[in-house]
Amino acid sequence: MTLEEVETEDDPIKHAPLKSYVKSQTPEMWEGEEMWANDEAIDMMQDQLLLVARLIWQQAAKDAHQDGYRTVGPDYIDDSFNEVMHPQNLLQEAANEMERLRWDFLDVAKQSPAIEYDKDE
């Protein structure tokens, strides 16, 4: 049985197109070597994407229902997506700020005769 035969009309995320898509997202990398994806990785990605889609949809549907709507519009999806991504975005912002502060601290340390710092930094 081929991969295409296994996939049904009910599969919202098809294995073969997803595999092609992720490969296209990593063109020439690391001295000309392309990144490849094995079937287990693609299967896991499908599962994870479906989980994220379900979380976004459920929150959007809940919000639309609470607002008295029976149709979920794009704004509800966008708001729900942003809510799901908020922890990741917050962590990324914090990491960026910490990196900026690191360089600020190093600049201050370089100006102090009392602090030894690694000159390779």
C-alpha atoms as a PDB file:
ATOM      1  CA  MET A   1       0.000   0.000   0.000  1.00  0.00           C
ATOM      2  CA  THR A   2       1.411   3.379  -0.980  1.00  0.00           C
ATOM      3  CA  LEU A   3       1.422   6.483   1.164  1.00  0.00           C
ATOM      4  CA  GLU A   4      -1.217   8.066  -1.052  1.00  0.00           C
ATOM      5  CA  GLU A   5      -3.496   5.043  -0.554  1.00  0.00           C
ATOM      6  CA  VAL A   6      -3.136   5.299   3.218  1.00  0.00           C
ATOM      7  CA  GLU A   7      -4.120   8.960   3.240  1.00  0.00           C
ATOM      8  CA  THR A   8      -7.837   9.539   3.062  1.00  0.00           C
ATOM      9  CA  GLU A   9     -10.029  12.503   2.269  1.00  0.00           C
ATOM     10  CA  ASP A  10     -10.453  12.991   6.033  1.00  0.00           C
ATOM     11  CA  ASP A  11      -6.754  13.721   6.616  1.00  0.00           C
ATOM     12  CA  PRO A  12      -6.529  17.490   7.040  1.00  0.00           C
ATOM     13  CA  ILE A  13      -2.744  17.387   6.756  1.00  0.00           C
ATOM     14  CA  LYS A  14      -1.360  15.080   4.097  1.00  0.00           C
ATOM     15  CA  HIS A  15       1.950  13.324   4.745  1.00  0.00           C
ATOM     16  CA  ALA A  16       3.560  13.725   1.318  1.00  0.00           C
ATOM     17  CA  PRO A  17       2.827  17.459   0.846  1.00  0.00           C
ATOM     18  CA  LEU A  18       3.949  18.159   4.420  1.00  0.00           C
ATOM     19  CA  LYS A  19       7.207  16.312   3.811  1.00  0.00           C
ATOM     20  CA  SER A  20       7.785  18.308   0.623  1.00  0.00           C
ATOM     21  CA  TYR A  21       6.914  21.534   2.408  1.00  0.00           C
ATOM     22  CA  VAL A  22       9.305  21.065   5.315  1.00  0.00           C
ATOM     23  CA  LYS A  23      12.096  20.070   2.968  1.00  0.00           C
ATOM     24  CA  SER A  24      11.482  23.245   0.946  1.00  0.00           C
ATOM     25  CA  GLN A  25      11.846  25.290   4.140  1.00  0.00           C
ATOM     26  CA  THR A  26      15.447  24.190   4.582  1.00  0.00           C
ATOM     27  CA  PRO A  27      17.070  24.725   1.206  1.00  0.00           C
ATOM     28  CA  GLU A  28      20.838  24.774   1.074  1.00  0.00           C
ATOM     29  CA  MET A  29      22.166  24.565   4.610  1.00  0.00           C
ATOM     30  CA  TRP A  30      25.437  23.662   6.250  1.00  0.00           C
ATOM     31  CA  GLU A  31      27.881  23.764   3.400  1.00  0.00           C
ATOM     32  CA  GLY A  32      25.361  22.818   0.752  1.00  0.00           C
ATOM     33  CA  GLU A  33      23.744  19.876   2.529  1.00  0.00           C
ATOM     34  CA  GLU A  34      19.954  19.825   2.485  1.00  0.00           C
ATOM     35  CA  MET A  35      17.963  18.780   5.515  1.00  0.00           C
ATOM     36  CA  TRP A  36      15.881  15.654   5.075  1.00  0.00           C
ATOM     37  CA  ALA A  37      12.898  14.487   7.085  1.00  0.00           C
ATOM     38  CA  ASN A  38      12.182  10.874   7.876  1.00  0.00           C
ATOM     39  CA  ASP A  39       8.654   9.502   7.996  1.00  0.00           C
ATOM     40  CA  GLU A  40       8.565   9.340  11.801  1.00  0.00           C
ATOM     41  CA  ALA A  41       9.430  13.036  12.034  1.00  0.00           C
ATOM     42  CA  ILE A  42       6.723  13.936   9.525  1.00  0.00           C
ATOM     43  CA  ASP A  43       4.187  11.762  11.370  1.00  0.00           C
ATOM     44  CA  MET A  44       5.044  13.537  14.608  1.00  0.00           C
ATOM     45  CA  MET A  45       4.787  16.913  12.908  1.00  0.00           C
ATOM     46  CA  GLN A  46       1.345  15.982  11.567  1.00  0.00           C
ATOM     47  CA  ASP A  47       0.221  15.040  15.078  1.00  0.00           C
ATOM     48  CA  GLN A  48       1.616  18.243  16.564  1.00  0.00           C
ATOM     49  CA  LEU A  49       0.061  20.425  13.868  1.00  0.00           C
ATOM     50  CA  LEU A  50      -3.307  18.771  14.426  1.00  0.00           C
ATOM     51  CA  LEU A  51      -2.987  19.376  18.166  1.00  0.00           C
ATOM     52  CA  VAL A  52      -2.223  23.062  17.616  1.00  0.00           C
ATOM     53  CA  ALA A  53      -5.081  23.333  15.105  1.00  0.00           C
ATOM     54  CA  ARG A  54      -7.470  21.720  17.588  1.00  0.00           C
ATOM     55  CA  LEU A  55      -6.378  24.049  20.411  1.00  0.00           C
ATOM     56  CA  ILE A  56      -6.747  27.123  18.230  1.00  0.00           C
ATOM     57  CA  TRP A  57     -10.107  26.002  16.866  1.00  0.00           C
ATOM     58  CA  GLN A  58     -11.553  25.100  20.266  1.00  0.00           C
ATOM     59  CA  GLN A  59     -10.572  28.441  21.782  1.00  0.00           C
ATOM     60  CA  ALA A  60     -11.846  30.362  18.750  1.00  0.00           C
ATOM     61  CA  ALA A  61     -15.143  28.449  18.784  1.00  0.00           C
ATOM     62  CA  LYS A  62     -15.540  29.036  22.526  1.00  0.00           C
ATOM     63  CA  ASP A  63     -14.917  32.763  22.114  1.00  0.00           C
ATOM     64  CA  ALA A  64     -17.293  33.055  19.153  1.00  0.00           C
ATOM     65  CA  HIS A  65     -19.992  31.144  21.041  1.00  0.00           C
ATOM     66  CA  GLN A  66     -19.560  33.354  24.119  1.00  0.00           C
ATOM     67  CA  ASP A  67     -20.016  36.377  21.862  1.00  0.00           C
ATOM     68  CA  GLY A  68     -23.268  34.902  20.544  1.00  0.00           C
ATOM     69  CA  TYR A  69     -21.979  33.763  17.145  1.00  0.00           C
ATOM     70  CA  ARG A  70     -22.342  30.343  15.572  1.00  0.00           C
ATOM     71  CA  THR A  71     -19.731  31.064  12.919  1.00  0.00           C
ATOM     72  CA  VAL A  72     -16.045  31.336  13.752  1.00  0.00           C
ATOM     73  CA  GLY A  73     -14.543  34.200  11.804  1.00  0.00           C
ATOM     74  CA  PRO A  74     -10.904  34.915  10.984  1.00  0.00           C
ATOM     75  CA  ASP A  75     -10.558  37.365  13.873  1.00  0.00           C
ATOM     76  CA  TYR A  76     -11.390  34.612  16.351  1.00  0.00           C
ATOM     77  CA  ILE A  77      -8.805  32.320  14.763  1.00  0.00           C
ATOM     78  CA  ASP A  78      -6.196  35.081  14.838  1.00  0.00           C
ATOM     79  CA  ASP A  79      -6.912  35.927  18.474  1.00  0.00           C
ATOM     80  CA  SER A  80      -6.811  32.261  19.447  1.00  0.00           C
ATOM     81  CA  PHE A  81      -3.542  31.706  17.579  1.00  0.00           C
ATOM     82  CA  ASN A  82      -1.998  34.698  19.334  1.00  0.00           C
ATOM     83  CA  GLU A  83      -3.180  33.339  22.679  1.00  0.00           C
ATOM     84  CA  VAL A  84      -1.634  29.936  21.964  1.00  0.00           C
ATOM     85  CA  MET A  85       1.621  31.566  20.847  1.00  0.00           C
ATOM     86  CA  HIS A  86       1.764  34.092  23.700  1.00  0.00           C
ATOM     87  CA  PRO A  87       3.991  31.989  26.006  1.00  0.00           C
ATOM     88  CA  GLN A  88       6.452  31.351  23.165  1.00  0.00           C
ATOM     89  CA  ASN A  89       6.474  35.007  22.175  1.00  0.00           C
ATOM     90  CA  LEU A  90       6.951  36.095  25.785  1.00  0.00           C
ATOM     91  CA  LEU A  91       9.865  33.694  26.239  1.00  0.00           C
ATOM     92  CA  GLN A  92      11.469  34.888  23.001  1.00  0.00           C
ATOM     93  CA  GLU A  93      11.127  38.515  24.050  1.00  0.00           C
ATOM     94  CA  ALA A  94      12.655  37.694  27.448  1.00  0.00           C
ATOM     95  CA  ALA A  95      15.544  35.828  25.817  1.00  0.00           C
ATOM     96  CA  ASN A  96      16.210  38.768  23.504  1.00  0.00           C
ATOM     97  CA  GLU A  97      16.156  41.186  26.435  1.00  0.00           C
ATOM     98  CA  MET A  98      18.508  38.968  28.444  1.00  0.00           C
ATOM     99  CA  GLU A  99      20.936  38.876  25.526  1.00  0.00           C
ATOM    100  CA  ARG A 100      20.815  42.676  25.273  1.00  0.00           C
ATOM    101  CA  LEU A 101      21.412  43.007  29.019  1.00  0.00           C
ATOM    102  CA  ARG A 102      24.331  40.584  28.799  1.00  0.00           C
ATOM    103  CA  TRP A 103      26.077  42.892  26.359  1.00  0.00           C
ATOM    104  CA  ASP A 104      25.225  45.931  28.493  1.00  0.00           C
ATOM    105  CA  PHE A 105      26.757  44.239  31.549  1.00  0.00           C
ATOM    106  CA  LEU A 106      29.883  43.327  29.602  1.00  0.00           C
ATOM    107  CA  ASP A 107      30.236  46.933  28.475  1.00  0.00           C
ATOM    108  CA  VAL A 108      29.990  48.103  32.094  1.00  0.00           C
ATOM    109  CA  ALA A 109      32.478  45.444  33.233  1.00  0.00           C
ATOM    110  CA  LYS A 110      34.972  46.530  30.591  1.00  0.00           C
ATOM    111  CA  GLN A 111      34.904  50.044  32.020  1.00  0.00           C
ATOM    112  CA  SER A 112      35.565  48.919  35.596  1.00  0.00           C
ATOM    113  CA  PRO A 113      39.156  48.412  36.716  1.00  0.00           C
ATOM    114  CA  ALA A 114      37.917  46.236  39.606  1.00  0.00           C
ATOM    115  CA  ILE A 115      36.234  43.591  37.445  1.00  0.00           C
ATOM    116  CA  GLU A 116      38.096  41.050  35.393  1.00  0.00           C
ATOM    117  CA  TYR A 117      36.186  39.808  32.407  1.00  0.00           C
ATOM    118  CA  ASP A 118      36.864  37.395  29.597  1.00  0.00           C
ATOM    119  CA  LYS A 119      38.326  39.541  26.854  1.00  0.00           C
ATOM    120  CA  ASP A 120      37.201  36.972  24.252  1.00  0.00           C
ATOM    121  CA  GLU A 121      33.568  37.950  24.829  1.00  0.00           C
END
